C-alpha atoms as a PDB file:
ATOM      1  CA  MET A   1     -22.816 -10.038  20.099  1.00  0.00           C
ATOM      2  CA  ARG A   2     -22.716  -8.254  16.688  1.00  0.00           C
ATOM      3  CA  LEU A   3     -20.482  -8.617  13.712  1.00  0.00           C
ATOM      4  CA  ARG A   4     -19.566  -5.411  11.909  1.00  0.00           C
ATOM      5  CA  PRO A   5     -17.273  -5.620   8.886  1.00  0.00           C
ATOM      6  CA  ASN A   6     -16.025  -2.206   7.926  1.00  0.00           C
ATOM      7  CA  ARG A   7     -17.962  -0.728   4.974  1.00  0.00           C
ATOM      8  CA  PHE A   8     -20.068  -3.796   4.524  1.00  0.00           C
ATOM      9  CA  TRP A   9     -22.389  -3.790   7.558  1.00  0.00           C
ATOM     10  CA  ASN A  10     -25.569  -3.167   5.554  1.00  0.00           C
ATOM     11  CA  TRP A  11     -25.613  -6.407   3.661  1.00  0.00           C
ATOM     12  CA  LEU A  12     -24.064  -8.532   6.336  1.00  0.00           C
ATOM     13  CA  CYS A  13     -27.128  -7.894   8.545  1.00  0.00           C
ATOM     14  CA  MET A  14     -29.403  -9.536   6.024  1.00  0.00           C
ATOM     15  CA  ALA A  15     -31.486 -12.245   7.746  1.00  0.00           C
ATOM     16  CA  CYS A  16     -30.956 -15.856   6.816  1.00  0.00           C
ATOM     17  CA  MET A  17     -34.706 -16.343   6.763  1.00  0.00           C
ATOM     18  CA  ALA A  18     -34.828 -14.429   3.389  1.00  0.00           C
ATOM     19  CA  PHE A  19     -33.342 -17.600   1.763  1.00  0.00           C
ATOM     20  CA  CYS A  20     -36.599 -19.600   2.027  1.00  0.00           C
ATOM     21  CA  MET A  21     -38.583 -20.325  -1.086  1.00  0.00           C
ATOM     22  CA  VAL A  22     -41.682 -18.209  -1.387  1.00  0.00           C
ATOM     23  CA  ALA A  23     -44.499 -17.912  -3.899  1.00  0.00           C
ATOM     24  CA  CYS A  24     -44.289 -14.440  -5.528  1.00  0.00           C
ATOM     25  CA  GLY A  25     -47.349 -12.467  -6.519  1.00  0.00           C
ATOM     26  CA  ASP A  26     -50.970 -13.121  -6.892  1.00  0.00           C
ATOM     27  CA  ASP A  27     -51.310 -11.912 -10.452  1.00  0.00           C
ATOM     28  CA  ASP A  28     -52.307 -15.220 -12.027  1.00  0.00           C
ATOM     29  CA  ASP A  29     -54.523 -18.166 -11.196  1.00  0.00           C
ATOM     30  CA  GLU A  30     -52.447 -21.380 -11.408  1.00  0.00           C
ATOM     31  CA  GLY A  31     -55.428 -23.518 -10.585  1.00  0.00           C
ATOM     32  CA  SER A  32     -55.253 -26.515  -8.325  1.00  0.00           C
ATOM     33  CA  HIS A  33     -52.904 -28.625 -10.484  1.00  0.00           C
ATOM     34  CA  ILE A  34     -49.206 -28.006 -10.314  1.00  0.00           C
ATOM     35  CA  PRO A  35     -47.105 -30.265 -12.665  1.00  0.00           C
ATOM     36  CA  SER A  36     -43.730 -31.727 -11.883  1.00  0.00           C
ATOM     37  CA  TYR A  37     -41.171 -28.878 -11.846  1.00  0.00           C
ATOM     38  CA  ILE A  38     -37.511 -28.191 -11.690  1.00  0.00           C
ATOM     39  CA  THR A  39     -36.028 -26.458  -8.606  1.00  0.00           C
ATOM     40  CA  ASP A  40     -32.741 -24.633  -9.254  1.00  0.00           C
ATOM     41  CA  PHE A  41     -30.770 -21.425  -8.992  1.00  0.00           C
ATOM     42  CA  MET A  42     -31.157 -18.674 -11.658  1.00  0.00           C
ATOM     43  CA  LEU A  43     -30.859 -14.966 -12.312  1.00  0.00           C
ATOM     44  CA  VAL A  44     -34.136 -13.103 -12.624  1.00  0.00           C
ATOM     45  CA  SER A  45     -34.624  -9.696 -14.128  1.00  0.00           C
ATOM     46  CA  THR A  46     -37.470  -7.447 -13.157  1.00  0.00           C
ATOM     47  CA  ASP A  47     -39.142  -4.410 -14.752  1.00  0.00           C
ATOM     48  CA  ALA A  48     -39.918  -1.063 -13.068  1.00  0.00           C
ATOM     49  CA  LYS A  49     -43.016  -2.551 -11.418  1.00  0.00           C
ATOM     50  CA  GLY A  50     -41.175  -5.567 -10.022  1.00  0.00           C
ATOM     51  CA  TYR A  51     -42.564  -8.005 -12.523  1.00  0.00           C
ATOM     52  CA  ILE A  52     -40.082 -10.734 -13.681  1.00  0.00           C
ATOM     53  CA  THR A  53     -39.513 -10.403 -17.348  1.00  0.00           C
ATOM     54  CA  THR A  54     -36.689 -12.856 -18.105  1.00  0.00           C
ATOM     55  CA  VAL A  55     -34.663 -15.588 -16.364  1.00  0.00           C
ATOM     56  CA  THR A  56     -31.118 -16.731 -17.007  1.00  0.00           C
ATOM     57  CA  LEU A  57     -30.411 -20.339 -16.078  1.00  0.00           C
ATOM     58  CA  ASP A  58     -26.882 -21.324 -14.871  1.00  0.00           C
ATOM     59  CA  ASP A  59     -26.118 -22.871 -18.272  1.00  0.00           C
ATOM     60  CA  GLY A  60     -26.430 -19.437 -19.822  1.00  0.00           C
ATOM     61  CA  SER A  61     -29.874 -19.960 -21.433  1.00  0.00           C
ATOM     62  CA  ILE A  62     -32.184 -16.919 -21.314  1.00  0.00           C
ATOM     63  CA  TYR A  63     -35.992 -17.262 -21.376  1.00  0.00           C
ATOM     64  CA  PRO A  64     -38.903 -14.854 -21.221  1.00  0.00           C
ATOM     65  CA  VAL A  65     -41.324 -15.713 -18.415  1.00  0.00           C
ATOM     66  CA  THR A  66     -44.624 -17.131 -19.700  1.00  0.00           C
ATOM     67  CA  ILE A  67     -46.666 -16.268 -16.652  1.00  0.00           C
ATOM     68  CA  GLN A  68     -45.212 -13.296 -14.909  1.00  0.00           C
ATOM     69  CA  LYS A  69     -44.524 -13.209 -11.223  1.00  0.00           C
ATOM     70  CA  ARG A  70     -43.972 -10.145  -9.196  1.00  0.00           C
ATOM     71  CA  MET A  71     -41.196  -9.283  -6.678  1.00  0.00           C
ATOM     72  CA  THR A  72     -42.477  -5.979  -5.442  1.00  0.00           C
ATOM     73  CA  ASP A  73     -39.399  -5.256  -3.304  1.00  0.00           C
ATOM     74  CA  TYR A  74     -36.962  -5.596  -6.189  1.00  0.00           C
ATOM     75  CA  PRO A  75     -38.013  -3.461  -9.159  1.00  0.00           C
ATOM     76  CA  ASP A  76     -35.785  -2.907 -12.222  1.00  0.00           C
ATOM     77  CA  THR A  77     -32.959  -5.138 -11.166  1.00  0.00           C
ATOM     78  CA  THR A  78     -31.346  -8.620 -11.585  1.00  0.00           C
ATOM     79  CA  LEU A  79     -31.379 -10.950  -8.622  1.00  0.00           C
ATOM     80  CA  ARG A  80     -29.878 -14.365  -7.729  1.00  0.00           C
ATOM     81  CA  CYS A  81     -32.913 -16.554  -6.947  1.00  0.00           C
ATOM     82  CA  ARG A  82     -33.920 -20.193  -6.353  1.00  0.00           C
ATOM     83  CA  ALA A  83     -37.111 -21.069  -8.221  1.00  0.00           C
ATOM     84  CA  ASN A  84     -39.580 -23.769  -9.094  1.00  0.00           C
ATOM     85  CA  TYR A  85     -40.316 -23.842 -12.836  1.00  0.00           C
ATOM     86  CA  THR A  86     -41.225 -25.932 -15.848  1.00  0.00           C
ATOM     87  CA  LEU A  87     -39.543 -25.797 -19.195  1.00  0.00           C
ATOM     88  CA  ASP A  88     -41.563 -27.172 -22.206  1.00  0.00           C
ATOM     89  CA  GLU A  89     -40.670 -26.572 -25.856  1.00  0.00           C
ATOM     90  CA  GLY A  90     -38.750 -23.474 -25.005  1.00  0.00           C
ATOM     91  CA  GLN A  91     -41.438 -22.050 -22.752  1.00  0.00           C
ATOM     92  CA  LEU A  92     -40.452 -21.385 -19.154  1.00  0.00           C
ATOM     93  CA  ARG A  93     -43.121 -21.052 -16.503  1.00  0.00           C
ATOM     94  CA  LEU A  94     -42.387 -19.969 -12.919  1.00  0.00           C
ATOM     95  CA  TYR A  95     -44.362 -21.469  -9.989  1.00  0.00           C
ATOM     96  CA  GLY A  96     -42.384 -20.021  -7.075  1.00  0.00           C
ATOM     97  CA  VAL A  97     -39.268 -17.935  -6.741  1.00  0.00           C
ATOM     98  CA  GLY A  98     -37.278 -16.604  -3.847  1.00  0.00           C
ATOM     99  CA  LYS A  99     -34.264 -14.338  -3.522  1.00  0.00           C
ATOM    100  CA  VAL A 100     -31.123 -15.997  -2.002  1.00  0.00           C
ATOM    101  CA  PHE A 101     -28.255 -14.477  -0.100  1.00  0.00           C
ATOM    102  CA  ALA A 102     -25.545 -13.693  -2.701  1.00  0.00           C
ATOM    103  CA  PRO A 103     -23.191 -10.788  -1.777  1.00  0.00           C
ATOM    104  CA  LYS A 104     -19.718 -10.396  -2.984  1.00  0.00           C
ATOM    105  CA  PRO A 105     -16.879 -11.804  -0.757  1.00  0.00           C
ATOM    106  CA  VAL A 106     -15.123  -9.399   1.600  1.00  0.00           C
ATOM    107  CA  PRO A 107     -11.463  -9.446   2.591  1.00  0.00           C
ATOM    108  CA  ALA A 108     -10.832 -10.827   6.064  1.00  0.00           C
ATOM    109  CA  SER A 109      -9.102  -7.548   7.032  1.00  0.00           C
ATOM    110  CA  ALA A 110     -12.389  -5.666   6.587  1.00  0.00           C
ATOM    111  CA  PHE A 111     -14.262  -7.450   9.344  1.00  0.00           C
ATOM    112  CA  ARG A 112     -14.734  -6.160  12.887  1.00  0.00           C
ATOM    113  CA  LEU A 113     -16.489  -7.875  15.808  1.00  0.00           C
ATOM    114  CA  ILE A 114     -18.299  -5.770  18.370  1.00  0.00           C
ATOM    115  CA  LEU A 115     -18.761  -7.607  21.615  1.00  0.00           C
ATOM    116  CA  ASN A 116     -20.333  -5.823  24.684  1.00  0.00           C
ATOM    117  CA  GLY A 117     -19.479  -2.476  23.153  1.00  0.00           C
ATOM    118  CA  VAL A 118     -15.759  -3.408  22.577  1.00  0.00           C
ATOM    119  CA  SER A 119     -14.408  -3.610  19.063  1.00  0.00           C
ATOM    120  CA  TYR A 120     -12.149  -6.571  18.076  1.00  0.00           C
ATOM    121  CA  ASP A 121     -10.191  -6.512  14.863  1.00  0.00           C
ATOM    122  CA  GLY A 122      -8.405  -9.361  13.298  1.00  0.00           C
ATOM    123  CA  GLU A 123      -9.160 -12.598  11.525  1.00  0.00           C
ATOM    124  CA  GLU A 124      -9.189 -14.562  14.756  1.00  0.00           C
ATOM    125  CA  TYR A 125     -12.369 -12.800  15.781  1.00  0.00           C
ATOM    126  CA  ILE A 126     -14.367 -13.705  12.623  1.00  0.00           C
ATOM    127  CA  PRO A 127     -17.260 -15.884  13.835  1.00  0.00           C
ATOM    128  CA  ARG A 128     -17.365 -19.370  12.443  1.00  0.00           C
ATOM    129  CA  ASP A 129     -20.425 -20.879  14.069  1.00  0.00           C
ATOM    130  CA  PRO A 130     -20.853 -24.378  12.504  1.00  0.00           C
ATOM    131  CA  VAL A 131     -23.578 -25.470  10.043  1.00  0.00           C
ATOM    132  CA  LYS A 132     -24.254 -28.783   8.243  1.00  0.00           C
ATOM    133  CA  VAL A 133     -23.115 -29.072   4.582  1.00  0.00           C
ATOM    134  CA  VAL A 134     -25.531 -30.793   2.328  1.00  0.00           C
ATOM    135  CA  SER A 135     -23.806 -29.841  -0.863  1.00  0.00           C
ATOM    136  CA  VAL A 136     -21.525 -27.205  -2.374  1.00  0.00           C
ATOM    137  CA  TRP A 137     -21.115 -26.750  -6.150  1.00  0.00           C
ATOM    138  CA  LYS A 138     -20.105 -24.305  -8.818  1.00  0.00           C
ATOM    139  CA  SER A 139     -22.504 -23.093 -11.578  1.00  0.00           C
ATOM    140  CA  GLY A 140     -23.414 -19.906 -13.373  1.00  0.00           C
ATOM    141  CA  GLY A 141     -20.427 -17.987 -12.104  1.00  0.00           C
ATOM    142  CA  TYR A 142     -21.355 -18.693  -8.440  1.00  0.00           C
ATOM    143  CA  ILE A 143     -20.250 -21.065  -5.610  1.00  0.00           C
ATOM    144  CA  ASN A 144     -23.617 -22.487  -4.375  1.00  0.00           C
ATOM    145  CA  LEU A 145     -24.402 -23.757  -0.934  1.00  0.00           C
ATOM    146  CA  HIS A 146     -27.135 -25.997   0.424  1.00  0.00           C
ATOM    147  CA  LEU A 147     -26.742 -25.966   4.208  1.00  0.00           C
ATOM    148  CA  GLY A 148     -28.468 -27.324   7.275  1.00  0.00           C
ATOM    149  CA  LEU A 149     -28.912 -24.704  10.022  1.00  0.00           C
ATOM    150  CA  MET A 150     -29.512 -25.989  13.599  1.00  0.00           C
ATOM    151  CA  THR A 151     -31.984 -23.544  15.125  1.00  0.00           C
ATOM    152  CA  THR A 152     -35.125 -22.871  17.122  1.00  0.00           C
ATOM    153  CA  GLY A 153     -35.971 -19.863  14.974  1.00  0.00           C
ATOM    154  CA  ASN A 154     -35.039 -17.478  17.801  1.00  0.00           C
ATOM    155  CA  GLY A 155     -33.080 -14.524  16.522  1.00  0.00           C
ATOM    156  CA  VAL A 156     -31.419 -13.572  13.263  1.00  0.00           C
ATOM    157  CA  HIS A 157     -28.380 -15.454  11.989  1.00  0.00           C
ATOM    158  CA  GLN A 158     -25.772 -13.357  10.164  1.00  0.00           C
ATOM    159  CA  TYR A 159     -23.674 -14.457   7.250  1.00  0.00           C
ATOM    160  CA  ALA A 160     -20.974 -13.209   4.903  1.00  0.00           C
ATOM    161  CA  PHE A 161     -18.458 -14.580   2.402  1.00  0.00           C
ATOM    162  CA  CYS A 162     -14.869 -13.972   3.327  1.00  0.00           C
ATOM    163  CA  GLU A 163     -11.752 -13.787   1.218  1.00  0.00           C
ATOM    164  CA  ASP A 164      -9.334 -15.408   3.671  1.00  0.00           C
ATOM    165  CA  SER A 165      -6.341 -15.191   1.243  1.00  0.00           C
ATOM    166  CA  PRO A 166      -5.987 -14.933  -2.508  1.00  0.00           C
ATOM    167  CA  GLY A 167      -7.953 -17.813  -4.059  1.00  0.00           C
ATOM    168  CA  HIS A 168      -9.334 -19.005  -0.723  1.00  0.00           C
ATOM    169  CA  TYR A 169     -12.907 -18.149   0.448  1.00  0.00           C
ATOM    170  CA  SER A 170     -15.077 -19.258   3.366  1.00  0.00           C
ATOM    171  CA  LEU A 171     -18.471 -18.790   4.986  1.00  0.00           C
ATOM    172  CA  VAL A 172     -18.809 -16.417   8.004  1.00  0.00           C
ATOM    173  CA  HIS A 173     -21.582 -17.299  10.346  1.00  0.00           C
ATOM    174  CA  LEU A 174     -22.676 -15.655  13.622  1.00  0.00           C
ATOM    175  CA  ARG A 175     -25.411 -17.455  15.637  1.00  0.00           C
ATOM    176  CA  PRO A 176     -27.606 -15.200  17.844  1.00  0.00           C
ATOM    177  CA  TYR A 177     -26.995 -15.858  21.519  1.00  0.00           C
ATOM    178  CA  ALA A 178     -30.611 -16.773  22.259  1.00  0.00           C
ATOM    179  CA  ASP A 179     -30.926 -19.349  19.549  1.00  0.00           C
ATOM    180  CA  ALA A 180     -30.654 -23.000  20.448  1.00  0.00           C
ATOM    181  CA  GLU A 181     -30.023 -26.057  18.239  1.00  0.00           C
ATOM    182  CA  SER A 182     -33.367 -27.834  18.127  1.00  0.00           C
ATOM    183  CA  TYR A 183     -34.110 -28.700  14.467  1.00  0.00           C
ATOM    184  CA  THR A 184     -32.415 -28.348  11.081  1.00  0.00           C
ATOM    185  CA  GLU A 185     -33.628 -25.729   8.646  1.00  0.00           C
ATOM    186  CA  GLN A 186     -32.485 -25.958   4.987  1.00  0.00           C
ATOM    187  CA  ILE A 187     -30.893 -22.796   3.696  1.00  0.00           C
ATOM    188  CA  PHE A 188     -29.377 -21.823   0.346  1.00  0.00           C
ATOM    189  CA  MET A 189     -26.949 -19.128  -0.687  1.00  0.00           C
ATOM    190  CA  SER A 190     -24.577 -18.211  -3.558  1.00  0.00           C
ATOM    191  CA  MET A 191     -21.197 -16.522  -3.618  1.00  0.00           C
ATOM    192  CA  PRO A 192     -20.382 -14.699  -6.880  1.00  0.00           C
ATOM    193  CA  ILE A 193     -16.985 -15.870  -8.124  1.00  0.00           C
ATOM    194  CA  PRO A 194     -14.647 -12.871  -8.501  1.00  0.00           C
ATOM    195  CA  GLU A 195     -14.004 -11.947 -12.076  1.00  0.00           C
ATOM    196  CA  GLY A 196     -10.914 -13.556 -13.602  1.00  0.00           C
ATOM    197  CA  MET A 197     -10.777 -16.249 -10.855  1.00  0.00           C
ATOM    198  CA  GLU A 198     -10.021 -19.541 -12.684  1.00  0.00           C
ATOM    199  CA  GLU A 199      -9.564 -21.741  -9.585  1.00  0.00           C
ATOM    200  CA  LEU A 200     -10.607 -21.195  -5.972  1.00  0.00           C
ATOM    201  CA  THR A 201     -11.003 -23.048  -2.675  1.00  0.00           C
ATOM    202  CA  PHE A 202     -14.051 -22.674  -0.560  1.00  0.00           C
ATOM    203  CA  SER A 203     -14.417 -23.768   3.184  1.00  0.00           C
ATOM    204  CA  VAL A 204     -17.358 -24.143   5.547  1.00  0.00           C
ATOM    205  CA  TYR A 205     -17.043 -24.691   9.281  1.00  0.00           C
ATOM    206  CA  THR A 206     -19.125 -27.678  10.326  1.00  0.00           C
ATOM    207  CA  TYR A 207     -19.804 -29.775  13.435  1.00  0.00           C
ATOM    208  CA  ASP A 208     -17.293 -32.334  12.094  1.00  0.00           C
ATOM    209  CA  GLY A 209     -14.542 -29.941  11.219  1.00  0.00           C
ATOM    210  CA  ILE A 210     -13.747 -27.729   8.174  1.00  0.00           C
ATOM    211  CA  TYR A 211     -15.326 -28.840   4.950  1.00  0.00           C
ATOM    212  CA  THR A 212     -13.174 -27.687   1.946  1.00  0.00           C
ATOM    213  CA  ARG A 213     -13.591 -27.970  -1.819  1.00  0.00           C
ATOM    214  CA  THR A 214     -11.451 -26.738  -4.706  1.00  0.00           C
ATOM    215  CA  PHE A 215     -13.147 -25.605  -7.887  1.00  0.00           C
END
């Protein structure tokens, strides 16, 4: 089973495993001691070689990075990330940073489901496989999600953010056929809030029904 939204197939196929926190780069020696740090979402900006030069916290504060980390796959760009860091007297130091899934929402009319070589159009065919909701909140111009995914790690889960109607958005989730529900994996993602949107409603399909919040 494959989900193919028209014009948006490339980013929809991004694997959910890319959401895990990772340590980036081996360009500095942190030593054996790691102090208490903050874990949160942020925007990171990289130079032409992929080194992180500045970070923007969700409160709008911008900091240069004291000890540079490197994200070699993302040179000269700005990314939505989740990071471990310390902030002391205006000095921000990164200890671990990982890119999170953060594509723009797609209108429901743009989605297409391909099943056994047959194409199905229409909102009723958008996959809504359930997840667990840990928390959903708004910050930094994003709707942020902390979810629990039931999995065995077999296959790639596919996600998207859907604009169901003006002002209403939801999570699209397609579970691979071969994956069973053995343990819970923590995943994180952020949906950029469309420009000019002052209020919106966001829904997630869960094992207990539809979880909905208005922001």
